Protein backbone atom coordinates (compact mmCIF):
# COMPACT_ATOMS: atom_id res chain seq x y z
CA MET A 1 -29.66 -193.97 -12.24
CA ASN A 2 -26.88 -191.47 -12.63
CA SER A 3 -24.11 -192.29 -10.21
CA ASN A 4 -23.74 -188.59 -9.42
CA THR A 5 -27.27 -188.41 -8.24
CA LYS A 6 -27.45 -188.53 -4.41
CA ARG A 7 -30.10 -190.69 -2.81
CA ARG A 8 -32.38 -188.93 -0.40
CA PRO A 9 -32.26 -190.22 3.09
CA ALA A 10 -35.08 -192.61 4.08
CA GLY A 11 -38.14 -190.78 5.28
CA SER A 12 -37.26 -187.56 3.52
CA SER A 13 -39.60 -185.91 1.05
CA ARG A 14 -40.19 -182.75 -0.81
CA ALA A 15 -43.03 -181.83 1.51
CA LYS A 16 -42.88 -178.33 3.10
CA LYS A 17 -41.64 -177.96 6.65
CA PRO A 18 -44.39 -177.63 9.15
CA ALA A 19 -45.39 -174.05 9.90
CA PRO A 20 -44.17 -172.57 13.18
CA ALA A 21 -46.57 -173.17 16.03
CA GLY A 22 -47.01 -169.44 16.54
CA PRO A 23 -47.21 -167.49 19.78
CA LYS A 24 -48.67 -169.28 22.74
CA THR A 25 -49.83 -168.33 26.25
CA PRO A 26 -47.87 -169.54 29.30
CA HIS A 27 -50.53 -172.34 29.49
CA GLY A 28 -49.49 -173.53 26.05
CA LYS A 29 -52.62 -172.26 24.24
CA LYS A 30 -52.25 -170.82 20.76
CA ILE A 31 -53.09 -167.12 20.78
CA ARG A 32 -56.09 -166.27 18.72
CA THR A 33 -57.83 -163.45 20.65
CA ILE A 34 -56.43 -160.54 22.67
CA ALA A 35 -58.29 -157.89 24.65
CA ILE A 36 -57.47 -154.30 25.48
CA LEU A 37 -58.84 -152.02 28.18
CA THR A 38 -58.10 -148.45 29.27
CA GLY A 39 -58.22 -147.81 33.01
CA GLY A 40 -57.81 -144.78 35.38
CA GLY A 41 -58.23 -141.18 34.22
CA ASP A 42 -58.60 -140.47 30.49
CA CYS A 43 -55.91 -138.64 28.55
CA PRO A 44 -54.89 -137.75 24.95
CA GLY A 45 -53.36 -140.74 23.19
CA LEU A 46 -55.54 -143.58 24.43
CA ASN A 47 -57.33 -143.96 21.11
CA ALA A 48 -53.98 -143.99 19.35
CA VAL A 49 -52.89 -146.96 21.41
CA ILE A 50 -56.17 -148.82 20.66
CA ARG A 51 -55.67 -148.18 16.97
CA ALA A 52 -52.09 -149.38 17.00
CA VAL A 53 -52.99 -152.57 18.90
CA VAL A 54 -55.90 -153.41 16.53
CA ARG A 55 -54.10 -152.75 13.38
CA SER A 56 -50.85 -154.49 14.19
CA ALA A 57 -52.65 -157.51 15.74
CA TRP A 58 -54.68 -157.99 12.58
CA ILE A 59 -51.94 -157.24 10.02
CA LEU A 60 -49.03 -159.10 11.65
CA HIS A 61 -50.79 -162.03 13.37
CA GLY A 62 -54.41 -162.26 12.26
CA TRP A 63 -55.59 -162.05 15.91
CA GLU A 64 -59.06 -160.93 16.86
CA VAL A 65 -59.24 -158.02 19.25
CA ILE A 66 -61.79 -157.46 21.88
CA GLY A 67 -62.31 -153.99 23.53
CA VAL A 68 -63.22 -154.04 27.12
CA LEU A 69 -65.58 -151.32 28.07
CA ASP A 70 -65.10 -148.95 31.03
CA GLY A 71 -61.85 -150.36 32.27
CA TYR A 72 -61.80 -153.41 34.66
CA ASP A 73 -65.51 -152.85 35.26
CA GLY A 74 -66.12 -154.22 31.72
CA LEU A 75 -64.39 -157.54 32.66
CA ILE A 76 -66.41 -157.83 35.95
CA ASP A 77 -69.70 -157.81 34.08
CA SER A 78 -68.56 -158.94 30.63
CA ARG A 79 -69.21 -155.72 28.71
CA THR A 80 -67.05 -155.78 25.51
CA ARG A 81 -67.05 -155.01 21.81
CA LYS A 82 -65.11 -156.49 18.94
CA LEU A 83 -62.63 -154.20 17.27
CA THR A 84 -61.53 -154.37 13.60
CA PRO A 85 -59.29 -152.09 11.62
CA ARG A 86 -62.40 -150.50 10.17
CA ASP A 87 -63.44 -149.53 13.75
CA VAL A 88 -60.27 -147.67 14.47
CA ARG A 89 -59.81 -145.61 11.24
CA GLY A 90 -58.35 -142.20 11.98
CA LEU A 91 -58.58 -142.77 15.73
CA GLN A 92 -55.07 -141.45 16.39
CA VAL A 93 -56.25 -137.83 16.25
CA LYS A 94 -59.11 -138.15 18.73
CA GLY A 95 -58.84 -137.51 22.40
CA GLY A 96 -60.42 -139.71 25.10
CA THR A 97 -61.02 -143.37 24.65
CA ILE A 98 -63.70 -145.11 22.60
CA LEU A 99 -63.82 -147.88 25.14
CA GLY A 100 -64.60 -145.70 28.13
CA THR A 101 -62.64 -145.86 31.35
CA SER A 102 -63.08 -145.86 35.13
CA ASN A 103 -60.90 -144.95 38.05
CA ARG A 104 -63.32 -146.03 40.74
CA GLY A 105 -63.78 -149.85 40.38
CA ASN A 106 -60.85 -151.65 41.80
CA PRO A 107 -61.49 -155.35 41.41
CA LEU A 108 -59.19 -156.05 44.32
CA LYS A 109 -61.35 -153.97 46.58
CA TYR A 110 -64.69 -153.82 44.77
CA PRO A 111 -67.74 -152.27 46.45
CA VAL A 112 -70.60 -154.76 47.02
CA THR A 113 -73.86 -153.93 48.85
CA ARG A 114 -74.90 -156.58 51.39
CA GLY A 115 -77.76 -156.04 53.82
CA GLY A 116 -77.82 -152.32 53.11
CA LYS A 117 -74.14 -151.99 53.83
CA THR A 118 -71.29 -151.51 51.41
CA ILE A 119 -68.38 -153.93 51.82
CA HIS A 120 -65.35 -154.33 49.66
CA ARG A 121 -64.44 -157.66 48.18
CA ASP A 122 -61.71 -159.12 45.90
CA VAL A 123 -63.58 -160.05 42.69
CA SER A 124 -60.44 -160.52 40.53
CA GLY A 125 -61.42 -164.25 40.32
CA LYS A 126 -64.53 -163.19 38.32
CA ILE A 127 -62.35 -161.29 35.90
CA ILE A 128 -60.23 -164.41 35.30
CA GLU A 129 -63.37 -166.48 34.76
CA ASN A 130 -65.05 -164.02 32.51
CA ALA A 131 -61.87 -163.56 30.40
CA ALA A 132 -61.82 -167.34 29.82
CA LYS A 133 -65.60 -167.31 28.84
CA LEU A 134 -64.93 -164.48 26.43
CA GLY A 135 -62.09 -166.43 24.83
CA ILE A 136 -59.51 -163.85 25.82
CA ASP A 137 -56.03 -165.36 25.66
CA VAL A 138 -54.05 -162.22 26.61
CA LEU A 139 -55.07 -158.84 28.10
CA ILE A 140 -53.42 -155.51 27.27
CA ALA A 141 -54.02 -153.07 30.16
CA VAL A 142 -53.46 -149.39 29.37
CA GLY A 143 -53.20 -147.19 32.44
CA GLY A 144 -51.20 -145.63 35.27
CA ASP A 145 -49.94 -146.82 38.55
CA GLY A 146 -53.32 -148.20 39.85
CA THR A 147 -54.18 -149.94 36.57
CA MET A 148 -50.77 -151.58 36.52
CA LYS A 149 -50.98 -152.79 40.07
CA ILE A 150 -54.28 -154.57 39.23
CA ALA A 151 -52.75 -155.93 36.03
CA GLN A 152 -49.91 -157.43 38.05
CA ALA A 153 -52.37 -159.02 40.50
CA LEU A 154 -54.32 -160.59 37.56
CA TYR A 155 -51.05 -161.83 35.99
CA GLU A 156 -50.09 -163.47 39.31
CA LYS A 157 -53.56 -165.16 39.32
CA GLY A 158 -52.85 -166.66 35.85
CA LEU A 159 -54.16 -164.16 33.32
CA PRO A 160 -51.47 -163.31 30.72
CA VAL A 161 -51.11 -159.56 30.80
CA VAL A 162 -49.07 -156.87 28.99
CA GLY A 163 -49.08 -153.31 30.32
CA VAL A 164 -49.02 -149.95 28.44
CA PRO A 165 -48.11 -146.90 30.67
CA LYS A 166 -50.43 -143.93 30.55
CA THR A 167 -50.66 -140.91 32.86
CA ILE A 168 -50.62 -137.19 32.42
CA ASP A 169 -48.77 -136.90 35.71
CA ASN A 170 -45.74 -138.85 34.19
CA ASP A 171 -45.21 -140.50 37.58
CA LEU A 172 -45.06 -144.21 36.59
CA GLY A 173 -41.77 -145.93 37.09
CA ALA A 174 -39.68 -147.87 34.63
CA THR A 175 -40.44 -145.55 31.65
CA ASP A 176 -38.87 -142.26 30.89
CA VAL A 177 -42.15 -140.74 29.71
CA THR A 178 -45.77 -141.76 29.68
CA PHE A 179 -48.11 -140.84 26.88
CA GLY A 180 -50.71 -138.08 27.75
CA PHE A 181 -48.05 -136.10 29.65
CA ASN A 182 -46.76 -134.10 26.70
CA SER A 183 -50.37 -133.04 25.73
CA ALA A 184 -51.13 -132.02 29.31
CA VAL A 185 -47.94 -129.95 29.54
CA SER A 186 -48.75 -128.25 26.22
CA THR A 187 -52.23 -127.32 27.57
CA ALA A 188 -50.76 -126.01 30.85
CA THR A 189 -48.04 -124.06 29.08
CA ASP A 190 -50.60 -122.42 26.83
CA ALA A 191 -52.54 -121.37 29.91
CA VAL A 192 -49.46 -119.78 31.45
CA ASP A 193 -48.82 -117.95 28.23
CA LYS A 194 -52.34 -116.53 28.24
CA LEU A 195 -52.28 -115.60 31.90
CA HIS A 196 -49.11 -113.55 31.37
CA THR A 197 -50.96 -110.95 29.27
CA THR A 198 -53.86 -110.42 31.72
CA ALA A 199 -51.62 -110.40 34.77
CA GLU A 200 -49.39 -107.79 33.30
CA SER A 201 -52.38 -105.61 32.15
CA HIS A 202 -53.93 -105.64 35.59
CA HIS A 203 -50.67 -105.70 37.76
CA ARG A 204 -51.95 -108.92 39.53
CA VAL A 205 -50.57 -112.14 40.83
CA LEU A 206 -52.12 -114.98 39.00
CA VAL A 207 -52.04 -118.53 40.40
CA LEU A 208 -52.52 -121.43 38.02
CA GLU A 209 -53.39 -124.78 39.64
CA VAL A 210 -52.49 -127.80 37.54
CA MET A 211 -52.81 -131.53 38.10
CA GLY A 212 -50.11 -133.55 39.94
CA ARG A 213 -51.17 -135.55 42.93
CA ASP A 214 -47.75 -136.82 44.03
CA SER A 215 -45.48 -135.47 41.21
CA GLY A 216 -44.84 -131.97 39.95
CA TRP A 217 -43.83 -132.78 36.38
CA ILE A 218 -46.68 -130.83 34.72
CA ALA A 219 -46.10 -127.81 36.97
CA ILE A 220 -42.35 -127.70 36.53
CA GLU A 221 -42.25 -128.19 32.80
CA ALA A 222 -45.12 -125.89 32.07
CA GLY A 223 -43.77 -123.32 34.56
CA ILE A 224 -40.25 -123.27 33.07
CA ALA A 225 -41.60 -123.25 29.46
CA GLY A 226 -44.20 -120.53 30.18
CA GLY A 227 -41.86 -118.33 32.26
CA ALA A 228 -43.59 -118.61 35.67
CA ASP A 229 -42.14 -116.74 38.65
CA ALA A 230 -42.81 -119.45 41.23
CA ILE A 231 -43.49 -123.20 40.97
CA LEU A 232 -44.92 -125.14 43.84
CA ILE A 233 -44.71 -128.99 43.60
CA PRO A 234 -45.39 -131.95 46.02
CA GLU A 235 -41.70 -132.92 46.01
CA ILE A 236 -40.70 -129.60 47.69
CA PRO A 237 -42.86 -128.52 50.63
CA PHE A 238 -43.02 -124.74 50.29
CA ASP A 239 -42.62 -121.80 52.59
CA LEU A 240 -45.19 -119.19 51.57
CA GLY A 241 -43.26 -116.49 53.16
CA VAL A 242 -40.37 -117.15 50.77
CA VAL A 243 -42.84 -117.03 47.86
CA CYS A 244 -44.26 -113.69 49.06
CA ARG A 245 -40.79 -112.16 49.50
CA HIS A 246 -40.00 -113.20 45.91
CA ILE A 247 -43.08 -111.60 44.60
CA THR A 248 -42.47 -108.42 46.68
CA ASP A 249 -38.86 -108.23 45.45
CA ARG A 250 -40.13 -108.47 41.89
CA LYS A 251 -42.42 -105.63 42.44
CA LYS A 252 -39.70 -103.49 43.90
CA GLY A 253 -37.64 -104.32 40.88
CA GLY A 254 -40.32 -102.98 38.53
CA SER A 255 -42.22 -106.22 37.76
CA ARG A 256 -45.75 -105.39 38.83
CA PHE A 257 -47.21 -108.86 38.20
CA SER A 258 -46.18 -112.48 38.95
CA ILE A 259 -47.30 -115.98 37.78
CA VAL A 260 -47.36 -118.82 40.25
CA VAL A 261 -47.90 -122.45 38.98
CA VAL A 262 -48.94 -124.88 41.71
CA ALA A 263 -49.50 -128.61 41.40
CA GLU A 264 -52.78 -129.80 43.10
CA GLY A 265 -50.70 -132.03 45.49
CA ALA A 266 -48.29 -129.29 46.63
CA PHE A 267 -48.44 -128.43 50.35
CA PRO A 268 -46.72 -126.10 52.87
CA ALA A 269 -43.83 -127.24 54.93
CA GLY A 270 -45.16 -128.64 58.15
CA GLY A 271 -48.67 -128.91 56.70
CA GLY A 272 -50.61 -131.40 54.55
CA LYS A 273 -52.24 -131.58 51.16
CA ILE A 274 -55.56 -129.87 50.64
CA TYR A 275 -58.57 -132.01 49.79
CA GLU A 276 -61.89 -131.32 48.26
CA LYS A 277 -62.90 -134.78 49.43
CA GLU A 278 -60.89 -136.40 52.18
CA PRO A 279 -59.26 -139.82 51.46
CA SER A 280 -60.74 -143.05 52.92
CA GLU A 281 -59.61 -146.67 53.36
CA THR A 282 -60.70 -147.53 49.83
CA ALA A 283 -60.32 -144.14 47.94
CA PRO A 284 -57.30 -141.80 47.64
CA GLY A 285 -59.49 -138.76 48.10
CA ARG A 286 -60.04 -135.85 45.72
CA LEU A 287 -57.45 -133.09 45.83
CA GLY A 288 -58.58 -129.50 45.23
CA GLY A 289 -58.20 -125.96 46.64
CA VAL A 290 -54.50 -125.44 47.05
CA GLY A 291 -54.49 -122.84 44.28
CA GLN A 292 -57.03 -120.71 46.11
CA TRP A 293 -55.38 -121.30 49.44
CA VAL A 294 -52.08 -120.03 48.10
CA ALA A 295 -53.70 -117.10 46.29
CA SER A 296 -55.54 -115.80 49.33
CA ARG A 297 -52.39 -115.84 51.49
CA ILE A 298 -50.27 -114.17 48.79
CA ALA A 299 -52.89 -111.45 48.62
CA GLN A 300 -52.76 -111.03 52.47
CA CYS A 301 -49.02 -110.89 52.76
CA THR A 302 -48.13 -108.83 49.69
CA GLY A 303 -51.19 -106.56 49.36
CA ILE A 304 -51.31 -107.38 45.68
CA GLU A 305 -54.59 -108.39 43.99
CA THR A 306 -54.42 -112.13 43.35
CA ARG A 307 -56.59 -114.41 41.29
CA THR A 308 -56.71 -118.22 40.77
CA THR A 309 -57.23 -120.28 37.67
CA VAL A 310 -57.85 -124.07 38.05
CA LEU A 311 -57.01 -125.89 34.85
CA GLY A 312 -58.65 -129.13 35.90
CA HIS A 313 -59.85 -131.60 33.33
CA LEU A 314 -58.82 -129.43 30.42
CA GLN A 315 -55.46 -131.10 30.86
CA ARG A 316 -56.99 -134.50 30.07
CA GLY A 317 -58.95 -133.46 26.96
CA GLY A 318 -58.40 -132.52 23.44
CA THR A 319 -56.28 -133.83 20.50
CA PRO A 320 -52.97 -135.52 21.44
CA THR A 321 -49.84 -133.76 20.47
CA THR A 322 -47.62 -135.26 17.82
CA PHE A 323 -45.27 -136.59 20.45
CA ASP A 324 -48.09 -138.38 22.23
CA ARG A 325 -49.60 -139.81 19.05
CA LEU A 326 -46.27 -141.23 18.10
CA LEU A 327 -45.43 -142.58 21.57
CA ALA A 328 -48.84 -144.15 21.99
CA THR A 329 -48.68 -145.72 18.59
CA ARG A 330 -45.29 -147.13 19.22
CA PHE A 331 -46.41 -148.45 22.67
CA GLY A 332 -49.39 -150.16 21.05
CA VAL A 333 -47.42 -151.92 18.37
CA GLU A 334 -44.75 -152.99 20.85
CA ALA A 335 -47.38 -154.33 23.24
CA VAL A 336 -48.51 -156.66 20.41
CA GLY A 337 -44.88 -157.53 19.73
CA ALA A 338 -44.40 -158.41 23.39
CA ILE A 339 -47.33 -160.81 23.19
CA ALA A 340 -45.88 -162.44 20.15
CA ARG A 341 -42.53 -162.91 22.04
CA GLY A 342 -44.30 -164.34 25.05
CA GLU A 343 -43.27 -161.43 27.32
CA PHE A 344 -46.24 -161.57 29.74
CA GLY A 345 -46.35 -159.74 33.05
CA ARG A 346 -44.35 -156.93 31.48
CA MET A 347 -44.99 -153.27 30.56
CA VAL A 348 -43.74 -151.50 27.46
CA CYS A 349 -41.47 -148.52 28.33
CA LEU A 350 -39.58 -145.70 26.64
CA ARG A 351 -35.88 -145.72 27.39
CA GLY A 352 -34.05 -142.96 25.65
CA ARG A 353 -35.39 -143.27 22.10
CA LYS A 354 -36.16 -147.00 22.19
CA ILE A 355 -39.26 -148.90 23.25
CA VAL A 356 -38.40 -151.84 25.58
CA THR A 357 -40.27 -153.89 28.11
CA ASP A 358 -39.85 -154.21 31.90
CA GLU A 359 -41.56 -156.25 34.61
CA ILE A 360 -44.88 -154.64 35.70
CA SER A 361 -43.86 -155.39 39.33
CA ASP A 362 -40.79 -153.20 38.85
CA ALA A 363 -42.74 -150.41 37.22
CA VAL A 364 -45.06 -150.04 40.17
CA LYS A 365 -42.44 -150.34 42.99
CA ARG A 366 -41.82 -146.56 43.12
CA LEU A 367 -43.22 -143.40 41.53
CA ASN A 368 -41.23 -141.31 39.04
CA LEU A 369 -41.00 -138.02 40.90
CA VAL A 370 -39.20 -134.64 40.44
CA ASP A 371 -35.80 -134.77 42.03
CA PRO A 372 -35.63 -131.71 44.40
CA ALA A 373 -31.89 -131.56 43.64
CA GLY A 374 -32.24 -132.57 40.01
CA GLN A 375 -31.51 -130.77 36.79
CA PHE A 376 -35.03 -129.51 36.25
CA VAL A 377 -35.16 -127.78 39.52
CA ARG A 378 -31.62 -126.43 39.17
CA THR A 379 -32.57 -125.07 35.69
CA ALA A 380 -35.66 -123.27 37.12
CA GLU A 381 -33.75 -121.77 40.08
CA ALA A 382 -30.94 -120.59 37.71
CA LEU A 383 -33.72 -118.64 35.90
CA GLY A 384 -34.83 -116.99 39.18
CA ILE A 385 -37.92 -119.15 39.63
CA SER A 386 -38.89 -119.78 43.30
CA PHE A 387 -39.93 -123.10 44.68
CA GLY A 388 -40.81 -121.55 48.10
CA ARG A 389 -37.58 -122.54 49.68
CA ASP A 390 -34.38 -120.66 50.41
CA GLN A 391 -31.78 -121.40 47.78
CA LYS A 392 -28.48 -122.73 49.12
């Protein structure tokens, strides 16, 4: 033996080092199968998230992906489908969700008929049980405030969960922007643009009602971008007299038409929100009618012919904008990354230009609302847009 040759330590060999154990659940189980569901109202970008989750899970980790049908309802009665990269080809350009969704079935207060009466029970235990039977190691829940609250409850009961924020209202905390919002604003802005030409032609006041239960983000961004003359949002209770004076002053100044954008959750100072269906103990109620309410009173106090357009579910439909496709795709990939890092009970978020994660519990503590004294409102008022309040 050459004296310069070093003897290998006892027990050593040329054998390869053992492969890393790979990502595991909090229970120490190796991750093999993940599931994804889309809950709450639909919006552009949901399919882009599904595509990103499926492709990155298969390419990076070799995980199987199960799609849960119709939100949490699909986990209550075990309705699922397997998803492969072939199933999600070209999905990023399509609106809606191939998995279906539901904003009615809350498993924490699930309607059950007993003896001809409807009672509400917590059936989240059944979701945990069915997830185990289906071999689901981790659940990705895509949705807004309600979906995230349920996801947090399931996580606290032992189901590993990662959240992806979605809502056209942009009212979910912890993230700067939710996907679906940009597409909704683009639709609303296009509507304001089109209303301008007919309002000017007929010398009318046109009121556009957009979505926004508690937040006025769609109304304020579309209103500023489209050049509205008044914007009414839930964060600033409005005085209709101030709005009418603003419209009358415009007419005196030679502007014989006006555009008013109103969020569905806006309400007059000292009054309440207007509902198409009143809220109950188990349902938040269905907002509707504030646009017509505002229009009829503007016509009475100004004498100007006034019409209403309710944009409704047009804001939820159609092809996602480039911004929403990219954001949804980045969210989906990062959700898979969060699983690989063992970051359960967290939601992916946009902070500045980076995608990070935050506790789901923090994300649902408070809504992301328009600041009545913030830069967006100040910008609009500097342009002469009225919020139905006297400017200081």
